[in-house]
Structures are given as C-alpha cells and as structure tokens.
Amino acid sequence: MNHDKELQQLGEAEIKDRLRELPGWEYEDNKLVKTFEFPTFNDGIALINQLVPFCNEIDHHPDIFISYTKITFYLTRYSIGGHVTDRDFDVAEKIEDLYGR
C-alpha cells in the first residue's frame, strides 16, 4: 500500500463519485457515515470483532456508535485534520464485505 497517497485528503467531488460504489454510505461533516442493522446485538459485535484485525493492519480505526442492534460507523482521518482519505474507503469496503457475509 502507498501510505502517503492514502493519507491525502480527497476532494468532495471525488468522495461523492466514489460513494456511488457504496450504497447507503453518506458524506457528512467530513466523514463517511452508514448505519447497519443486525438481527441481534451479538451479531453486530461479531462484525466489529471481525473488522478489528483489518483496521489494525492498515492503522485506520472508525468511530463506532452502537445502539443495540444498530451500529453506525463514522470514517475520517484525524491525523490529517479530520478529512476523508482512500483509507476511509478501504474500511467502508471491508465493512460492506463483512456485513454481506
């Protein structure tokens, strides 16, 4: 992975264009945001536990809000001032992959 490229802030037009590939994700307050619903609380926690190794591997960790069977992910890169980067899209794609299983 090219870590320098991944930490460059993406422009709003590029973000909105790339979001077309991620149904349900939105761009708000310099973050990628989506809420997922799960059959049980444990199912949601299981997805988070499956996501953790990937986030550690790429050194990019989402803000996560858990409300029983609903989990909202907020993706932004705080180390560059709270902006969206390629890495945010990597995490969003991984979440979608795990949720789809």
Protein backbone atom coordinates (compact mmCIF):
# COMPACT_ATOMS: atom_id res chain seq x y z
CA MET A 1 0.00 0.00 0.00
CA ASN A 2 1.14 3.52 -0.74
CA HIS A 3 0.64 5.03 2.71
CA ASP A 4 1.42 8.60 1.59
CA LYS A 5 -1.28 8.56 -1.09
CA GLU A 6 -3.79 7.05 1.30
CA LEU A 7 -3.38 9.89 3.75
CA GLN A 8 -4.08 12.65 1.26
CA GLN A 9 -7.39 14.40 1.71
CA LEU A 10 -9.88 13.56 -1.03
CA GLY A 11 -11.93 16.31 -2.63
CA GLU A 12 -15.70 16.43 -2.15
CA ALA A 13 -16.41 15.67 -5.84
CA GLU A 14 -14.20 12.56 -5.75
CA ILE A 15 -15.76 11.42 -2.47
CA LYS A 16 -19.29 11.76 -3.82
CA ASP A 17 -18.30 9.98 -7.03
CA ARG A 18 -16.77 7.06 -5.12
CA LEU A 19 -19.79 6.82 -2.81
CA ARG A 20 -21.83 5.64 -5.80
CA GLU A 21 -19.99 2.32 -5.35
CA LEU A 22 -21.07 2.13 -1.69
CA PRO A 23 -24.87 2.25 -1.45
CA GLY A 24 -26.19 3.70 1.79
CA TRP A 25 -22.98 5.48 2.73
CA GLU A 26 -23.17 9.26 3.05
CA TYR A 27 -20.67 12.07 3.27
CA GLU A 28 -21.42 14.40 6.17
CA ASP A 29 -19.22 16.56 8.40
CA ASN A 30 -16.04 15.37 6.64
CA LYS A 31 -16.88 11.73 7.39
CA LEU A 32 -18.20 8.69 5.59
CA VAL A 33 -21.23 7.51 7.57
CA LYS A 34 -23.53 4.49 7.47
CA THR A 35 -25.82 2.71 9.93
CA PHE A 36 -26.20 -1.06 9.74
CA GLU A 37 -28.94 -3.11 11.38
CA PHE A 38 -28.35 -6.59 12.78
CA PRO A 39 -30.68 -9.38 13.92
CA THR A 40 -29.12 -9.34 17.41
CA PHE A 41 -26.72 -7.27 19.48
CA ASN A 42 -24.19 -10.13 19.33
CA ASP A 43 -24.30 -10.17 15.50
CA GLY A 44 -23.29 -6.50 15.41
CA ILE A 45 -20.49 -7.01 17.91
CA ALA A 46 -19.27 -10.02 15.90
CA LEU A 47 -18.89 -7.82 12.81
CA ILE A 48 -16.88 -5.28 14.80
CA ASN A 49 -14.65 -8.07 16.14
CA GLN A 50 -14.06 -9.30 12.58
CA LEU A 51 -13.23 -5.74 11.48
CA VAL A 52 -10.62 -5.07 14.19
CA PRO A 53 -7.68 -7.01 12.66
CA PHE A 54 -8.12 -5.23 9.31
CA CYS A 55 -8.26 -1.81 11.00
CA ASN A 56 -5.13 -2.59 13.00
CA GLU A 57 -3.34 -3.84 9.88
CA ILE A 58 -3.95 -0.61 7.93
CA ASP A 59 -3.77 1.64 11.02
CA HIS A 60 -7.18 3.17 10.49
CA HIS A 61 -9.90 2.93 13.11
CA PRO A 62 -13.52 4.08 12.72
CA ASP A 63 -15.62 5.83 15.29
CA ILE A 64 -18.40 3.38 16.11
CA PHE A 65 -21.75 4.13 17.73
CA ILE A 66 -23.65 1.09 19.00
CA SER A 67 -27.36 1.31 19.70
CA TYR A 68 -28.45 -2.25 20.49
CA THR A 69 -28.93 -3.85 17.04
CA LYS A 70 -27.90 -0.76 15.06
CA ILE A 71 -24.28 0.21 14.53
CA THR A 72 -23.18 3.45 12.90
CA PHE A 73 -19.67 3.79 11.50
CA TYR A 74 -18.01 7.20 11.09
CA LEU A 75 -14.88 7.17 8.92
CA THR A 76 -12.42 10.04 8.79
CA ARG A 77 -8.67 10.52 9.19
CA TYR A 78 -7.97 12.59 12.29
CA SER A 79 -4.20 12.69 11.71
CA ILE A 80 -4.75 14.99 8.70
CA GLY A 81 -7.30 17.19 10.40
CA GLY A 82 -10.43 15.05 10.11
CA HIS A 83 -10.77 14.53 6.37
CA VAL A 84 -11.69 11.57 4.17
CA THR A 85 -8.86 9.61 2.54
CA ASP A 86 -8.52 6.43 0.48
CA ARG A 87 -8.15 4.52 3.73
CA ASP A 88 -11.67 5.51 4.78
CA PHE A 89 -12.96 3.91 1.61
CA ASP A 90 -10.87 0.80 2.32
CA VAL A 91 -12.54 0.44 5.72
CA ALA A 92 -16.02 1.12 4.30
CA GLU A 93 -15.49 -1.58 1.66
CA LYS A 94 -14.29 -4.04 4.33
CA ILE A 95 -17.37 -3.31 6.48
CA GLU A 96 -19.61 -3.93 3.47
CA ASP A 97 -17.79 -7.18 2.73
CA LEU A 98 -18.19 -8.42 6.31
CA TYR A 99 -21.83 -7.31 6.52
CA GLY A 100 -22.63 -9.11 3.26
CA ARG A 101 -21.37 -12.48 4.54
